[in-house]
Amino acid sequence: MNDLPLRRLFNLVKFQFRLAKKRYLNSKRIYEYGCVSLHIPRKFYELIKPFLKRDLEMRITVQNGSLVITLTSAKTTKSTTATTDIPRVRRE
């Protein structure tokens, strides 16, 4: 996988939850929604650098009472995403 010793690959982390607020209707109303994030410890930055600014596909599963988060590089191109995201409407 990499050249780091196995003991450096494990660390305790916590999910962070925050409440985001967006104003609308000329700031008369506030829309609130929750955001969940997972902070990556600094000692893993060298492992993460090759994946920065890339689109990643995320898969979350539970195996034997553990949460497994798998991130893989998404294989998309600009031309396919631009054409497939817009639905086509036939007019007669």
PDB file of N, CA and C in Angstrom:
ATOM      1  N   MET A   1       0.828  -1.193   0.000  1.00  0.00           N
ATOM      2  CA  MET A   1       0.000   0.000   0.000  1.00  0.00           C
ATOM      3  C   MET A   1       0.873   1.258   0.000  1.00  0.00           C
ATOM      4  N   ASN A   2       1.767   1.372   0.972  1.00  0.00           N
ATOM      5  CA  ASN A   2       2.689   2.500   1.021  1.00  0.00           C
ATOM      6  C   ASN A   2       3.868   2.117   1.893  1.00  0.00           C
ATOM      7  N   ASP A   3       4.787   3.060   2.094  1.00  0.00           N
ATOM      8  CA  ASP A   3       5.997   2.762   2.843  1.00  0.00           C
ATOM      9  C   ASP A   3       5.900   3.097   4.319  1.00  0.00           C
ATOM     10  N   LEU A   4       4.773   3.612   4.778  1.00  0.00           N
ATOM     11  CA  LEU A   4       4.630   3.968   6.188  1.00  0.00           C
ATOM     12  C   LEU A   4       4.447   2.722   7.042  1.00  0.00           C
ATOM     13  N   PRO A   5       4.991   2.734   8.255  1.00  0.00           N
ATOM     14  CA  PRO A   5       4.742   1.594   9.146  1.00  0.00           C
ATOM     15  C   PRO A   5       3.253   1.484   9.462  1.00  0.00           C
ATOM     16  N   LEU A   6       2.791   0.264   9.701  1.00  0.00           N
ATOM     17  CA  LEU A   6       1.372   0.027   9.927  1.00  0.00           C
ATOM     18  C   LEU A   6       0.848   0.772  11.146  1.00  0.00           C
ATOM     19  N   ARG A   7       1.640   0.946  12.168  1.00  0.00           N
ATOM     20  CA  ARG A   7       1.167   1.621  13.386  1.00  0.00           C
ATOM     21  C   ARG A   7       0.817   3.083  13.129  1.00  0.00           C
ATOM     22  N   ARG A   8       1.395   3.712  12.096  1.00  0.00           N
ATOM     23  CA  ARG A   8       1.083   5.102  11.790  1.00  0.00           C
ATOM     24  C   ARG A   8      -0.217   5.259  11.024  1.00  0.00           C
ATOM     25  N   LEU A   9      -0.808   4.180  10.556  1.00  0.00           N
ATOM     26  CA  LEU A   9      -2.019   4.289   9.753  1.00  0.00           C
ATOM     27  C   LEU A   9      -3.288   4.357  10.593  1.00  0.00           C
ATOM     28  N   PHE A  10      -3.190   4.184  11.892  1.00  0.00           N
ATOM     29  CA  PHE A  10      -4.363   4.188  12.748  1.00  0.00           C
ATOM     30  C   PHE A  10      -4.314   5.371  13.700  1.00  0.00           C
ATOM     31  N   ASN A  11      -5.454   6.013  13.883  1.00  0.00           N
ATOM     32  CA  ASN A  11      -5.559   7.148  14.783  1.00  0.00           C
ATOM     33  C   ASN A  11      -7.021   7.315  15.163  1.00  0.00           C
ATOM     34  N   LEU A  12      -7.296   7.901  16.313  1.00  0.00           N
ATOM     35  CA  LEU A  12      -8.666   8.145  16.732  1.00  0.00           C
ATOM     36  C   LEU A  12      -9.167   9.444  16.106  1.00  0.00           C
ATOM     37  N   VAL A  13     -10.366   9.399  15.561  1.00  0.00           N
ATOM     38  CA  VAL A  13     -10.990  10.590  14.989  1.00  0.00           C
ATOM     39  C   VAL A  13     -12.442  10.636  15.449  1.00  0.00           C
ATOM     40  N   LYS A  14     -13.034  11.806  15.359  1.00  0.00           N
ATOM     41  CA  LYS A  14     -14.443  11.987  15.705  1.00  0.00           C
ATOM     42  C   LYS A  14     -15.138  12.709  14.564  1.00  0.00           C
ATOM     43  N   PHE A  15     -16.401  12.351  14.344  1.00  0.00           N
ATOM     44  CA  PHE A  15     -17.208  13.095  13.395  1.00  0.00           C
ATOM     45  C   PHE A  15     -17.546  14.438  14.007  1.00  0.00           C
ATOM     46  N   GLN A  16     -17.499  15.482  13.193  1.00  0.00           N
ATOM     47  CA  GLN A  16     -17.858  16.823  13.631  1.00  0.00           C
ATOM     48  C   GLN A  16     -19.201  17.177  13.007  1.00  0.00           C
ATOM     49  N   PHE A  17     -20.104  17.731  13.806  1.00  0.00           N
ATOM     50  CA  PHE A  17     -21.407  18.153  13.313  1.00  0.00           C
ATOM     51  C   PHE A  17     -21.543  19.640  13.560  1.00  0.00           C
ATOM     52  N   ARG A  18     -21.988  20.356  12.529  1.00  0.00           N
ATOM     53  CA  ARG A  18     -22.262  21.784  12.703  1.00  0.00           C
ATOM     54  C   ARG A  18     -23.557  22.129  11.998  1.00  0.00           C
ATOM     55  N   LEU A  19     -24.178  23.162  12.460  1.00  0.00           N
ATOM     56  CA  LEU A  19     -25.429  23.627  11.885  1.00  0.00           C
ATOM     57  C   LEU A  19     -25.121  24.813  10.977  1.00  0.00           C
ATOM     58  N   ALA A  20     -25.370  24.654   9.682  1.00  0.00           N
ATOM     59  CA  ALA A  20     -25.140  25.732   8.714  1.00  0.00           C
ATOM     60  C   ALA A  20     -26.422  26.523   8.539  1.00  0.00           C
ATOM     61  N   LYS A  21     -26.282  27.823   8.396  1.00  0.00           N
ATOM     62  CA  LYS A  21     -27.436  28.702   8.240  1.00  0.00           C
ATOM     63  C   LYS A  21     -27.281  29.540   6.983  1.00  0.00           C
ATOM     64  N   LYS A  22     -28.317  29.563   6.172  1.00  0.00           N
ATOM     65  CA  LYS A  22     -28.340  30.372   4.954  1.00  0.00           C
ATOM     66  C   LYS A  22     -29.535  31.313   5.034  1.00  0.00           C
ATOM     67  N   ARG A  23     -29.319  32.567   4.710  1.00  0.00           N
ATOM     68  CA  ARG A  23     -30.406  33.546   4.708  1.00  0.00           C
ATOM     69  C   ARG A  23     -31.034  33.632   3.324  1.00  0.00           C
ATOM     70  N   TYR A  24     -32.340  33.852   3.289  1.00  0.00           N
ATOM     71  CA  TYR A  24     -33.041  34.040   2.019  1.00  0.00           C
ATOM     72  C   TYR A  24     -34.200  35.001   2.230  1.00  0.00           C
ATOM     73  N   LEU A  25     -34.875  35.385   1.160  1.00  0.00           N
ATOM     74  CA  LEU A  25     -35.947  36.389   1.167  1.00  0.00           C
ATOM     75  C   LEU A  25     -35.450  37.698   1.773  1.00  0.00           C
ATOM     76  N   ASN A  26     -34.344  38.221   1.198  1.00  0.00           N
ATOM     77  CA  ASN A  26     -33.750  39.473   1.669  1.00  0.00           C
ATOM     78  C   ASN A  26     -33.432  39.429   3.165  1.00  0.00           C
ATOM     79  N   SER A  27     -32.893  38.305   3.598  1.00  0.00           N
ATOM     80  CA  SER A  27     -32.450  38.080   4.986  1.00  0.00           C
ATOM     81  C   SER A  27     -33.590  38.032   5.990  1.00  0.00           C
ATOM     82  N   LYS A  28     -34.823  37.831   5.531  1.00  0.00           N
ATOM     83  CA  LYS A  28     -35.956  37.737   6.452  1.00  0.00           C
ATOM     84  C   LYS A  28     -36.073  36.339   7.044  1.00  0.00           C
ATOM     85  N   ARG A  29     -35.662  35.332   6.300  1.00  0.00           N
ATOM     86  CA  ARG A  29     -35.778  33.940   6.746  1.00  0.00           C
ATOM     87  C   ARG A  29     -34.401  33.293   6.769  1.00  0.00           C
ATOM     88  N   ILE A  30     -34.276  32.250   7.569  1.00  0.00           N
ATOM     89  CA  ILE A  30     -33.018  31.504   7.658  1.00  0.00           C
ATOM     90  C   ILE A  30     -33.306  30.030   7.426  1.00  0.00           C
ATOM     91  N   TYR A  31     -32.553  29.440   6.512  1.00  0.00           N
ATOM     92  CA  TYR A  31     -32.635  28.011   6.233  1.00  0.00           C
ATOM     93  C   TYR A  31     -31.477  27.336   6.954  1.00  0.00           C
ATOM     94  N   GLU A  32     -31.766  26.331   7.784  1.00  0.00           N
ATOM     95  CA  GLU A  32     -30.735  25.636   8.545  1.00  0.00           C
ATOM     96  C   GLU A  32     -30.634  24.191   8.095  1.00  0.00           C
ATOM     97  N   TYR A  33     -29.423  23.681   8.041  1.00  0.00           N
ATOM     98  CA  TYR A  33     -29.199  22.281   7.720  1.00  0.00           C
ATOM     99  C   TYR A  33     -27.912  21.820   8.395  1.00  0.00           C
ATOM    100  N   GLY A  34     -27.841  20.525   8.674  1.00  0.00           N
ATOM    101  CA  GLY A  34     -26.680  19.975   9.346  1.00  0.00           C
ATOM    102  C   GLY A  34     -25.595  19.544   8.379  1.00  0.00           C
ATOM    103  N   CYS A  35     -24.355  19.720   8.790  1.00  0.00           N
ATOM    104  CA  CYS A  35     -23.186  19.288   8.012  1.00  0.00           C
ATOM    105  C   CYS A  35     -22.334  18.382   8.886  1.00  0.00           C
ATOM    106  N   VAL A  36     -21.938  17.250   8.344  1.00  0.00           N
ATOM    107  CA  VAL A  36     -21.082  16.314   9.060  1.00  0.00           C
ATOM    108  C   VAL A  36     -19.742  16.279   8.359  1.00  0.00           C
ATOM    109  N   SER A  37     -18.656  16.356   9.122  1.00  0.00           N
ATOM    110  CA  SER A  37     -17.321  16.288   8.536  1.00  0.00           C
ATOM    111  C   SER A  37     -16.439  15.382   9.387  1.00  0.00           C
ATOM    112  N   LEU A  38     -15.368  14.923   8.773  1.00  0.00           N
ATOM    113  CA  LEU A  38     -14.402  14.064   9.438  1.00  0.00           C
ATOM    114  C   LEU A  38     -13.039  14.699   9.236  1.00  0.00           C
ATOM    115  N   HIS A  39     -12.437  15.132  10.310  1.00  0.00           N
ATOM    116  CA  HIS A  39     -11.138  15.793  10.217  1.00  0.00           C
ATOM    117  C   HIS A  39     -10.030  14.751  10.148  1.00  0.00           C
ATOM    118  N   ILE A  40      -9.144  14.912   9.186  1.00  0.00           N
ATOM    119  CA  ILE A  40      -8.034  13.988   8.978  1.00  0.00           C
ATOM    120  C   ILE A  40      -6.821  14.518   9.748  1.00  0.00           C
ATOM    121  N   PRO A  41      -6.205  13.698  10.604  1.00  0.00           N
ATOM    122  CA  PRO A  41      -5.029  14.159  11.348  1.00  0.00           C
ATOM    123  C   PRO A  41      -3.870  14.539  10.426  1.00  0.00           C
ATOM    124  N   ARG A  42      -3.064  15.470  10.860  1.00  0.00           N
ATOM    125  CA  ARG A  42      -1.974  16.020  10.060  1.00  0.00           C
ATOM    126  C   ARG A  42      -0.981  14.963   9.607  1.00  0.00           C
ATOM    127  N   LYS A  43      -0.765  13.944  10.405  1.00  0.00           N
ATOM    128  CA  LYS A  43       0.240  12.944  10.037  1.00  0.00           C
ATOM    129  C   LYS A  43      -0.148  12.143   8.793  1.00  0.00           C
ATOM    130  N   PHE A  44      -1.400  12.268   8.332  1.00  0.00           N
ATOM    131  CA  PHE A  44      -1.845  11.563   7.129  1.00  0.00           C
ATOM    132  C   PHE A  44      -1.838  12.449   5.882  1.00  0.00           C
ATOM    133  N   TYR A  45      -1.405  13.699   5.993  1.00  0.00           N
ATOM    134  CA  TYR A  45      -1.446  14.618   4.864  1.00  0.00           C
ATOM    135  C   TYR A  45      -0.658  14.119   3.661  1.00  0.00           C
ATOM    136  N   GLU A  46       0.487  13.505   3.888  1.00  0.00           N
ATOM    137  CA  GLU A  46       1.296  13.011   2.768  1.00  0.00           C
ATOM    138  C   GLU A  46       0.559  11.908   2.003  1.00  0.00           C
ATOM    139  N   LEU A  47      -0.262  11.109   2.693  1.00  0.00           N
ATOM    140  CA  LEU A  47      -1.044  10.079   2.023  1.00  0.00           C
ATOM    141  C   LEU A  47      -2.181  10.676   1.208  1.00  0.00           C
ATOM    142  N   ILE A  48      -2.711  11.809   1.657  1.00  0.00           N
ATOM    143  CA  ILE A  48      -3.891  12.419   1.042  1.00  0.00           C
ATOM    144  C   ILE A  48      -3.530  13.328  -0.129  1.00  0.00           C
ATOM    145  N   LYS A  49      -2.339  13.899  -0.136  1.00  0.00           N
ATOM    146  CA  LYS A  49      -1.952  14.876  -1.164  1.00  0.00           C
ATOM    147  C   LYS A  49      -2.239  14.436  -2.597  1.00  0.00           C
ATOM    148  N   PRO A  50      -1.967  13.189  -3.000  1.00  0.00           N
ATOM    149  CA  PRO A  50      -2.252  12.819  -4.391  1.00  0.00           C
ATOM    150  C   PRO A  50      -3.738  12.875  -4.761  1.00  0.00           C
ATOM    151  N   PHE A  51      -4.631  12.885  -3.768  1.00  0.00           N
ATOM    152  CA  PHE A  51      -6.067  12.863  -4.038  1.00  0.00           C
ATOM    153  C   PHE A  51      -6.725  14.234  -3.938  1.00  0.00           C
ATOM    154  N   LEU A  52      -5.968  15.257  -3.584  1.00  0.00           N
ATOM    155  CA  LEU A  52      -6.534  16.599  -3.479  1.00  0.00           C
ATOM    156  C   LEU A  52      -6.973  17.096  -4.852  1.00  0.00           C
ATOM    157  N   LYS A  53      -8.037  17.857  -4.876  1.00  0.00           N
ATOM    158  CA  LYS A  53      -8.620  18.447  -6.094  1.00  0.00           C
ATOM    159  C   LYS A  53      -9.060  17.400  -7.103  1.00  0.00           C
ATOM    160  N   ARG A  54      -9.382  16.206  -6.648  1.00  0.00           N
ATOM    161  CA  ARG A  54      -9.924  15.151  -7.507  1.00  0.00           C
ATOM    162  C   ARG A  54     -11.347  14.855  -7.070  1.00  0.00           C
ATOM    163  N   ASP A  55     -12.158  14.404  -8.015  1.00  0.00           N
ATOM    164  CA  ASP A  55     -13.482  13.922  -7.663  1.00  0.00           C
ATOM    165  C   ASP A  55     -13.332  12.507  -7.130  1.00  0.00           C
ATOM    166  N   LEU A  56     -13.915  12.257  -5.958  1.00  0.00           N
ATOM    167  CA  LEU A  56     -13.829  10.946  -5.329  1.00  0.00           C
ATOM    168  C   LEU A  56     -15.213  10.360  -5.144  1.00  0.00           C
ATOM    169  N   GLU A  57     -15.355   9.076  -5.421  1.00  0.00           N
ATOM    170  CA  GLU A  57     -16.598   8.367  -5.135  1.00  0.00           C
ATOM    171  C   GLU A  57     -16.496   7.808  -3.722  1.00  0.00           C
ATOM    172  N   MET A  58     -17.577   7.950  -2.951  1.00  0.00           N
ATOM    173  CA  MET A  58     -17.562   7.507  -1.572  1.00  0.00           C
ATOM    174  C   MET A  58     -18.543   6.360  -1.379  1.00  0.00           C
ATOM    175  N   ARG A  59     -18.091   5.335  -0.686  1.00  0.00           N
ATOM    176  CA  ARG A  59     -18.946   4.204  -0.332  1.00  0.00           C
ATOM    177  C   ARG A  59     -18.793   3.981   1.171  1.00  0.00           C
ATOM    178  N   ILE A  60     -19.910   3.916   1.888  1.00  0.00           N
ATOM    179  CA  ILE A  60     -19.899   3.704   3.326  1.00  0.00           C
ATOM    180  C   ILE A  60     -20.626   2.404   3.628  1.00  0.00           C
ATOM    181  N   THR A  61     -19.980   1.521   4.374  1.00  0.00           N
ATOM    182  CA  THR A  61     -20.580   0.259   4.786  1.00  0.00           C
ATOM    183  C   THR A  61     -20.274   0.018   6.255  1.00  0.00           C
ATOM    184  N   VAL A  62     -21.052  -0.880   6.854  1.00  0.00           N
ATOM    185  CA  VAL A  62     -20.793  -1.311   8.223  1.00  0.00           C
ATOM    186  C   VAL A  62     -20.401  -2.780   8.171  1.00  0.00           C
ATOM    187  N   GLN A  63     -19.205  -3.083   8.677  1.00  0.00           N
ATOM    188  CA  GLN A  63     -18.712  -4.455   8.684  1.00  0.00           C
ATOM    189  C   GLN A  63     -18.229  -4.802  10.076  1.00  0.00           C
ATOM    190  N   ASN A  64     -18.817  -5.832  10.667  1.00  0.00           N
ATOM    191  CA  ASN A  64     -18.436  -6.304  12.006  1.00  0.00           C
ATOM    192  C   ASN A  64     -18.452  -5.185  13.043  1.00  0.00           C
ATOM    193  N   GLY A  65     -19.456  -4.320  12.980  1.00  0.00           N
ATOM    194  CA  GLY A  65     -19.595  -3.238  13.950  1.00  0.00           C
ATOM    195  C   GLY A  65     -18.677  -2.052  13.706  1.00  0.00           C
ATOM    196  N   SER A  66     -17.985  -2.029  12.575  1.00  0.00           N
ATOM    197  CA  SER A  66     -17.091  -0.918  12.247  1.00  0.00           C
ATOM    198  C   SER A  66     -17.612  -0.190  11.013  1.00  0.00           C
ATOM    199  N   LEU A  67     -17.426   1.113  10.999  1.00  0.00           N
ATOM    200  CA  LEU A  67     -17.810   1.932   9.855  1.00  0.00           C
ATOM    201  C   LEU A  67     -16.638   1.961   8.886  1.00  0.00           C
ATOM    202  N   VAL A  68     -16.884   1.559   7.641  1.00  0.00           N
ATOM    203  CA  VAL A  68     -15.837   1.521   6.620  1.00  0.00           C
ATOM    204  C   VAL A  68     -16.178   2.553   5.554  1.00  0.00           C
ATOM    205  N   ILE A  69     -15.309   3.546   5.398  1.00  0.00           N
ATOM    206  CA  ILE A  69     -15.485   4.590   4.398  1.00  0.00           C
ATOM    207  C   ILE A  69     -14.428   4.369   3.325  1.00  0.00           C
ATOM    208  N   THR A  70     -14.877   4.128   2.088  1.00  0.00           N
ATOM    209  CA  THR A  70     -13.969   3.872   0.981  1.00  0.00           C
ATOM    210  C   THR A  70     -14.083   5.003  -0.026  1.00  0.00           C
ATOM    211  N   LEU A  71     -12.954   5.626  -0.342  1.00  0.00           N
ATOM    212  CA  LEU A  71     -12.902   6.698  -1.328  1.00  0.00           C
ATOM    213  C   LEU A  71     -12.075   6.216  -2.508  1.00  0.00           C
ATOM    214  N   THR A  72     -12.647   6.299  -3.707  1.00  0.00           N
ATOM    215  CA  THR A  72     -11.927   5.923  -4.917  1.00  0.00           C
ATOM    216  C   THR A  72     -12.034   7.061  -5.925  1.00  0.00           C
ATOM    217  N   SER A  73     -11.051   7.167  -6.791  1.00  0.00           N
ATOM    218  CA  SER A  73     -11.054   8.216  -7.808  1.00  0.00           C
ATOM    219  C   SER A  73     -12.217   8.008  -8.764  1.00  0.00           C
ATOM    220  N   ALA A  74     -12.980   9.061  -8.989  1.00  0.00           N
ATOM    221  CA  ALA A  74     -14.090   8.997  -9.933  1.00  0.00           C
ATOM    222  C   ALA A  74     -13.538   9.117 -11.333  1.00  0.00           C
ATOM    223  N   LYS A  75     -14.030   8.288 -12.233  1.00  0.00           N
ATOM    224  CA  LYS A  75     -13.541   8.311 -13.609  1.00  0.00           C
ATOM    225  C   LYS A  75     -14.537   9.040 -14.486  1.00  0.00           C
ATOM    226  N   THR A  76     -14.501  10.354 -14.419  1.00  0.00           N
ATOM    227  CA  THR A  76     -15.381  11.175 -15.240  1.00  0.00           C
ATOM    228  C   THR A  76     -14.545  12.126 -16.058  1.00  0.00           C
ATOM    229  N   THR A  77     -15.079  12.516 -17.175  1.00  0.00           N
ATOM    230  CA  THR A  77     -14.428  13.533 -17.995  1.00  0.00           C
ATOM    231  C   THR A  77     -15.361  14.725 -18.087  1.00  0.00           C
ATOM    232  N   LYS A  78     -14.821  15.843 -18.427  1.00  0.00           N
ATOM    233  CA  LYS A  78     -15.635  17.054 -18.505  1.00  0.00           C
ATOM    234  C   LYS A  78     -16.715  16.944 -19.569  1.00  0.00           C
ATOM    235  N   SER A  79     -16.414  16.304 -20.678  1.00  0.00           N
ATOM    236  CA  SER A  79     -17.391  16.227 -21.759  1.00  0.00           C
ATOM    237  C   SER A  79     -18.564  15.326 -21.407  1.00  0.00           C
ATOM    238  N   THR A  80     -18.325  14.221 -20.683  1.00  0.00           N
ATOM    239  CA  THR A  80     -19.433  13.331 -20.355  1.00  0.00           C
ATOM    240  C   THR A  80     -20.292  13.896 -19.238  1.00  0.00           C
ATOM    241  N   THR A  81     -19.696  14.549 -18.254  1.00  0.00           N
ATOM    242  CA  THR A  81     -20.507  15.090 -17.164  1.00  0.00           C
ATOM    243  C   THR A  81     -21.353  16.258 -17.643  1.00  0.00           C
ATOM    244  N   ALA A  82     -20.842  17.048 -18.557  1.00  0.00           N
ATOM    245  CA  ALA A  82     -21.596  18.208 -19.035  1.00  0.00           C
ATOM    246  C   ALA A  82     -22.813  17.781 -19.842  1.00  0.00           C
ATOM    247  N   THR A  83     -22.729  16.682 -20.564  1.00  0.00           N
ATOM    248  CA  THR A  83     -23.848  16.275 -21.405  1.00  0.00           C
ATOM    249  C   THR A  83     -24.825  15.367 -20.674  1.00  0.00           C
ATOM    250  N   THR A  84     -24.375  14.591 -19.704  1.00  0.00           N
ATOM    251  CA  THR A  84     -25.278  13.652 -19.046  1.00  0.00           C
ATOM    252  C   THR A  84     -26.069  14.280 -17.908  1.00  0.00           C
ATOM    253  N   ASP A  85     -25.590  15.399 -17.340  1.00  0.00           N
ATOM    254  CA  ASP A  85     -26.297  16.016 -16.227  1.00  0.00           C
ATOM    255  C   ASP A  85     -27.535  16.785 -16.672  1.00  0.00           C
ATOM    256  N   ILE A  86     -27.604  17.176 -17.933  1.00  0.00           N
ATOM    257  CA  ILE A  86     -28.727  17.981 -18.418  1.00  0.00           C
ATOM    258  C   ILE A  86     -29.734  17.046 -19.091  1.00  0.00           C
ATOM    259  N   PRO A  87     -30.952  16.965 -18.573  1.00  0.00           N
ATOM    260  CA  PRO A  87     -31.940  16.107 -19.217  1.00  0.00           C
ATOM    261  C   PRO A  87     -32.374  16.670 -20.564  1.00  0.00           C
ATOM    262  N   ARG A  88     -32.584  15.802 -21.509  1.00  0.00           N
ATOM    263  CA  ARG A  88     -33.004  16.205 -22.840  1.00  0.00           C
ATOM    264  C   ARG A  88     -34.521  16.171 -22.921  1.00  0.00           C
ATOM    265  N   VAL A  89     -35.115  17.205 -23.504  1.00  0.00           N
ATOM    266  CA  VAL A  89     -36.549  17.289 -23.652  1.00  0.00           C
ATOM    267  C   VAL A  89     -36.868  17.354 -25.143  1.00  0.00           C
ATOM    268  N   ARG A  90     -37.707  16.439 -25.599  1.00  0.00           N
ATOM    269  CA  ARG A  90     -38.125  16.439 -27.004  1.00  0.00           C
ATOM    270  C   ARG A  90     -39.381  17.270 -27.169  1.00  0.00           C
ATOM    271  N   ARG A  91     -39.307  18.203 -28.072  1.00  0.00           N
ATOM    272  CA  ARG A  91     -40.493  19.019 -28.357  1.00  0.00           C
ATOM    273  C   ARG A  91     -40.987  18.672 -29.731  1.00  0.00           C
ATOM    274  N   GLU A  92     -42.251  18.517 -29.836  1.00  0.00           N
ATOM    275  CA  GLU A  92     -42.862  18.131 -31.126  1.00  0.00           C
ATOM    276  C   GLU A  92     -43.658  19.259 -31.721  1.00  0.00           C
TER     277      GLU A  92
END
